[in-house]
Amino acid sequence: MSGRPATIQIRKSADHVESVPIADARLRLFESAVPWREFRWYKGQRHFSGSYWSATMDAPVGYESRLEYANLLLLDFDPRVRRLLSQPFLLEGDDRGTTRRHIPDFLIAHADDSVCVADVKPAEKLSLPKVRDSLGWSRRVIEAHGWEYRVLSEPDPTLFTNVQFLAGYRRAFQFVDTEVAAAIEALRTPQTFGEAAAFVQSIVGDHRRALALVLHLIWTRFLSTDLTLPLGRTSVLKPG
């Protein structure tokens, strides 16, 4: 890579930006970072923006499209993810004589302290020269720094539908800790969703609460099942 070294600019507040060479970028620099752009909602806007309450962050995380929202849910569901930031920085540098500036969609920190930068693009746009060149430059710069780089597109539709449904049961404060612990202890062998709900009903005393608790245990990965298949009463659940 020729030309001046790439830099990242991290917004710490509306009027304060910290700029460092990417060679000096460390995860600790993002401890007080805010998204590069403000997420806005207004009548007639072209993009579907919003704010999603992340169980990983115990705080809202913004998105600017339905596709970003879909991938944000899947990242929040990923047990390896320990930190999740949207629009984390502005990347700027030289690409063979062309100055490039790019804001990635997400910064992901994993449980093993590895870092991943992710961009979200529809699959149909990945072959467009402008998109291909921008993402290709971002990949070269970020991977040269030792961070992972991913381009995320449309997820498997059944997987997304299941995870979106499970996300309704992601908030731990909605469940009683002693009941969660008792349910985990009771569900130590593989069984169908229907069987698991029956077991848990004997603990919580209500069928709807039992269903909700089983779904919460799937979200938190205490229970696992093949989510590329429709989730139903006959789905086989295994201890996570």
Protein backbone atom coordinates (compact mmCIF):
# COMPACT_ATOMS: atom_id res chain seq x y z
CA MET A 1 0.00 0.00 0.00
CA SER A 2 1.59 3.30 -1.14
CA GLY A 3 1.15 6.90 -0.01
CA ARG A 4 0.55 8.24 3.46
CA PRO A 5 -0.42 5.75 6.18
CA ALA A 6 -4.13 5.30 6.81
CA THR A 7 -5.68 6.95 9.85
CA ILE A 8 -8.83 6.34 11.83
CA GLN A 9 -10.87 9.15 13.31
CA ILE A 10 -12.95 8.29 16.38
CA ARG A 11 -15.74 10.59 17.47
CA LYS A 12 -15.82 10.99 21.24
CA SER A 13 -18.60 13.60 21.31
CA ALA A 14 -20.42 15.90 18.94
CA ASP A 15 -17.48 18.33 18.85
CA HIS A 16 -14.46 16.14 19.66
CA VAL A 17 -12.74 13.73 17.26
CA GLU A 18 -9.57 11.76 18.03
CA SER A 19 -7.36 10.86 15.06
CA VAL A 20 -4.67 8.17 15.19
CA PRO A 21 -2.69 6.18 12.62
CA ILE A 22 -4.36 2.81 12.15
CA ALA A 23 -1.10 1.21 13.28
CA ASP A 24 -1.83 2.67 16.74
CA ALA A 25 -5.50 1.65 16.84
CA ARG A 26 -6.41 -0.37 19.92
CA LEU A 27 -9.77 -1.47 21.27
CA ARG A 28 -9.39 0.75 24.35
CA LEU A 29 -9.61 3.84 22.13
CA PHE A 30 -13.31 3.06 21.56
CA GLU A 31 -14.31 3.00 25.23
CA SER A 32 -16.05 6.37 24.99
CA ALA A 33 -16.69 6.41 21.24
CA VAL A 34 -20.01 7.48 19.78
CA PRO A 35 -21.31 6.66 16.27
CA TRP A 36 -19.73 8.76 13.54
CA ARG A 37 -23.10 9.91 12.21
CA GLU A 38 -26.25 10.71 14.13
CA PHE A 39 -29.08 8.27 13.45
CA ARG A 40 -32.07 10.25 12.25
CA TRP A 41 -35.73 9.42 11.67
CA TYR A 42 -37.91 11.65 9.51
CA LYS A 43 -40.88 11.33 7.21
CA GLY A 44 -39.97 10.32 3.67
CA GLN A 45 -36.37 9.34 4.38
CA ARG A 46 -34.88 6.87 1.92
CA HIS A 47 -33.17 4.64 4.46
CA PHE A 48 -34.71 2.59 7.26
CA SER A 49 -32.84 3.84 10.33
CA GLY A 50 -33.44 2.84 13.89
CA SER A 51 -32.09 1.92 17.30
CA TYR A 52 -31.96 -1.64 18.61
CA TRP A 53 -31.52 -2.47 22.30
CA SER A 54 -28.57 -4.87 22.31
CA ALA A 55 -28.38 -7.56 24.95
CA THR A 56 -24.62 -7.72 24.35
CA MET A 57 -24.14 -4.02 25.07
CA ASP A 58 -27.08 -3.58 27.49
CA ALA A 59 -27.65 -0.39 25.52
CA PRO A 60 -29.07 0.80 22.18
CA VAL A 61 -27.07 0.28 18.98
CA GLY A 62 -28.02 2.19 15.84
CA TYR A 63 -28.51 0.99 12.28
CA GLU A 64 -29.28 2.68 8.96
CA SER A 65 -31.04 -0.02 6.92
CA ARG A 66 -33.14 -3.14 7.29
CA LEU A 67 -30.13 -5.17 6.18
CA GLU A 68 -27.98 -3.61 8.91
CA TYR A 69 -30.75 -4.36 11.40
CA ALA A 70 -30.87 -8.02 10.32
CA ASN A 71 -27.12 -8.45 10.71
CA LEU A 72 -27.11 -6.51 13.98
CA LEU A 73 -29.57 -9.02 15.46
CA LEU A 74 -27.38 -11.93 14.37
CA LEU A 75 -24.29 -10.30 15.87
CA ASP A 76 -26.16 -9.69 19.13
CA PHE A 77 -27.11 -13.37 19.17
CA ASP A 78 -23.51 -14.52 18.55
CA PRO A 79 -22.08 -15.75 21.90
CA ARG A 80 -18.53 -14.87 20.80
CA VAL A 81 -19.38 -11.17 20.60
CA ARG A 82 -18.59 -9.15 23.72
CA ARG A 83 -18.81 -5.61 22.33
CA LEU A 84 -20.68 -4.17 19.38
CA LEU A 85 -20.36 -0.60 18.08
CA SER A 86 -22.03 0.96 15.05
CA GLN A 87 -20.23 3.44 12.76
CA PRO A 88 -17.15 3.18 14.97
CA PHE A 89 -14.72 5.37 13.04
CA LEU A 90 -13.83 7.15 9.82
CA LEU A 91 -11.06 5.38 7.91
CA GLU A 92 -9.02 7.65 5.66
CA GLY A 93 -5.97 7.00 3.51
CA ASP A 94 -4.36 6.66 0.11
CA ASP A 95 -5.30 3.89 -2.31
CA ARG A 96 -2.76 3.94 -5.13
CA GLY A 97 -3.09 7.68 -5.57
CA THR A 98 -6.78 7.93 -4.71
CA THR A 99 -7.79 9.37 -1.35
CA ARG A 100 -10.44 7.21 0.25
CA ARG A 101 -12.68 7.89 3.23
CA HIS A 102 -14.94 5.17 4.60
CA ILE A 103 -17.10 4.66 7.69
CA PRO A 104 -17.52 0.94 8.50
CA ASP A 105 -20.88 -0.22 9.79
CA PHE A 106 -19.78 -2.16 12.87
CA LEU A 107 -16.82 -2.81 15.15
CA ILE A 108 -17.03 -6.19 16.89
CA ALA A 109 -14.92 -7.31 19.85
CA HIS A 110 -14.88 -11.04 20.58
CA ALA A 111 -14.45 -12.93 23.83
CA ASP A 112 -10.86 -13.82 22.86
CA ASP A 113 -10.06 -10.07 22.47
CA SER A 114 -9.90 -10.31 18.69
CA VAL A 115 -11.42 -7.43 16.74
CA CYS A 116 -13.52 -7.51 13.59
CA VAL A 117 -14.62 -4.61 11.40
CA ALA A 118 -17.76 -5.30 9.38
CA ASP A 119 -19.52 -3.63 6.49
CA VAL A 120 -23.08 -4.47 5.44
CA LYS A 121 -23.90 -4.45 1.73
CA PRO A 122 -26.62 -6.12 -0.37
CA ALA A 123 -25.15 -9.02 -2.32
CA GLU A 124 -26.35 -7.51 -5.60
CA LYS A 125 -24.14 -4.45 -5.06
CA LEU A 126 -20.88 -6.24 -4.25
CA SER A 127 -19.85 -6.46 -7.90
CA LEU A 128 -20.30 -2.72 -8.56
CA PRO A 129 -16.84 -1.20 -9.20
CA LYS A 130 -17.31 1.66 -6.72
CA VAL A 131 -18.44 -0.67 -3.95
CA ARG A 132 -15.89 -3.36 -4.79
CA ASP A 133 -12.98 -0.90 -4.80
CA SER A 134 -14.01 0.79 -1.53
CA LEU A 135 -14.52 -2.47 0.33
CA GLY A 136 -11.37 -3.96 -1.16
CA TRP A 137 -9.29 -1.03 0.09
CA SER A 138 -10.90 -1.25 3.53
CA ARG A 139 -10.11 -4.96 3.69
CA ARG A 140 -6.46 -4.45 2.76
CA VAL A 141 -5.94 -1.69 5.33
CA ILE A 142 -7.79 -3.38 8.20
CA GLU A 143 -6.33 -6.85 7.67
CA ALA A 144 -2.83 -5.37 7.40
CA HIS A 145 -3.42 -4.02 10.92
CA GLY A 146 -4.22 -7.52 12.15
CA TRP A 147 -7.96 -7.09 12.57
CA GLU A 148 -10.53 -9.27 10.84
CA TYR A 149 -12.68 -7.71 8.13
CA ARG A 150 -16.07 -9.01 7.03
CA VAL A 151 -18.65 -8.00 4.46
CA LEU A 152 -22.13 -9.05 5.59
CA SER A 153 -25.04 -9.43 3.18
CA GLU A 154 -28.49 -10.99 3.33
CA PRO A 155 -28.65 -13.69 6.04
CA ASP A 156 -30.37 -17.05 5.66
CA PRO A 157 -34.08 -16.07 5.85
CA THR A 158 -35.12 -18.88 8.21
CA LEU A 159 -32.21 -18.19 10.54
CA PHE A 160 -33.04 -14.48 10.64
CA THR A 161 -36.76 -15.13 11.24
CA ASN A 162 -35.91 -17.41 14.17
CA VAL A 163 -33.38 -15.03 15.70
CA GLN A 164 -35.71 -12.05 15.29
CA PHE A 165 -38.39 -14.01 17.14
CA LEU A 166 -35.96 -15.08 19.88
CA ALA A 167 -34.80 -11.48 20.30
CA GLY A 168 -38.16 -10.73 21.90
CA TYR A 169 -36.96 -12.83 24.85
CA ARG A 170 -33.40 -11.50 25.11
CA ARG A 171 -33.81 -9.23 28.15
CA ALA A 172 -32.56 -11.03 31.25
CA PHE A 173 -34.36 -8.69 33.68
CA GLN A 174 -37.72 -10.08 32.47
CA PHE A 175 -36.97 -13.47 34.03
CA VAL A 176 -36.56 -14.65 37.61
CA ASP A 177 -32.97 -15.78 38.30
CA THR A 178 -33.99 -18.75 40.46
CA GLU A 179 -36.42 -19.99 37.80
CA VAL A 180 -33.77 -19.64 35.09
CA ALA A 181 -31.29 -21.64 37.17
CA ALA A 182 -33.89 -24.34 37.92
CA ALA A 183 -34.83 -24.61 34.25
CA ILE A 184 -31.19 -24.99 33.20
CA GLU A 185 -30.75 -27.74 35.78
CA ALA A 186 -33.89 -29.54 34.58
CA LEU A 187 -33.03 -29.40 30.88
CA ARG A 188 -29.75 -31.30 30.90
CA THR A 189 -30.74 -33.87 28.27
CA PRO A 190 -31.89 -33.39 24.66
CA GLN A 191 -35.64 -33.07 24.25
CA THR A 192 -38.17 -31.38 22.01
CA PHE A 193 -39.27 -27.82 22.53
CA GLY A 194 -42.69 -29.06 23.64
CA GLU A 195 -41.16 -31.41 26.21
CA ALA A 196 -38.88 -28.66 27.51
CA ALA A 197 -41.81 -26.28 27.90
CA ALA A 198 -43.71 -28.92 29.88
CA PHE A 199 -40.74 -29.43 32.21
CA VAL A 200 -40.36 -25.67 32.75
CA GLN A 201 -44.10 -25.22 33.35
CA SER A 202 -43.73 -27.40 36.43
CA ILE A 203 -41.18 -24.86 37.67
CA VAL A 204 -42.86 -21.55 36.81
CA GLY A 205 -46.50 -22.72 37.04
CA ASP A 206 -47.71 -21.04 33.84
CA HIS A 207 -47.56 -22.30 30.25
CA ARG A 208 -46.89 -18.91 28.62
CA ARG A 209 -44.13 -18.09 31.10
CA ALA A 210 -42.64 -21.52 30.47
CA LEU A 211 -42.57 -20.92 26.70
CA ALA A 212 -40.96 -17.52 27.23
CA LEU A 213 -38.30 -18.95 29.52
CA VAL A 214 -37.39 -21.73 27.09
CA LEU A 215 -37.05 -19.15 24.30
CA HIS A 216 -34.85 -17.04 26.58
CA LEU A 217 -32.61 -20.06 27.21
CA ILE A 218 -32.23 -20.54 23.46
CA TRP A 219 -31.32 -16.87 23.04
CA THR A 220 -28.73 -17.09 25.83
CA ARG A 221 -27.39 -20.36 24.36
CA PHE A 222 -28.08 -22.45 27.43
CA LEU A 223 -30.12 -24.45 24.92
CA SER A 224 -29.25 -24.93 21.27
CA THR A 225 -31.10 -26.10 18.17
CA ASP A 226 -30.75 -25.89 14.40
CA LEU A 227 -32.08 -22.43 13.66
CA THR A 228 -31.76 -22.86 9.90
CA LEU A 229 -34.94 -24.93 10.29
CA PRO A 230 -38.30 -23.50 11.40
CA LEU A 231 -38.51 -23.37 15.19
CA GLY A 232 -41.47 -25.27 16.59
CA ARG A 233 -42.69 -27.69 19.25
CA THR A 234 -40.84 -30.62 17.65
CA SER A 235 -37.51 -28.83 17.38
CA VAL A 236 -34.88 -30.78 19.31
CA LEU A 237 -33.16 -28.71 22.01
CA LYS A 238 -29.77 -29.65 23.40
CA PRO A 239 -27.96 -28.29 26.44
CA GLY A 240 -25.75 -25.46 25.20
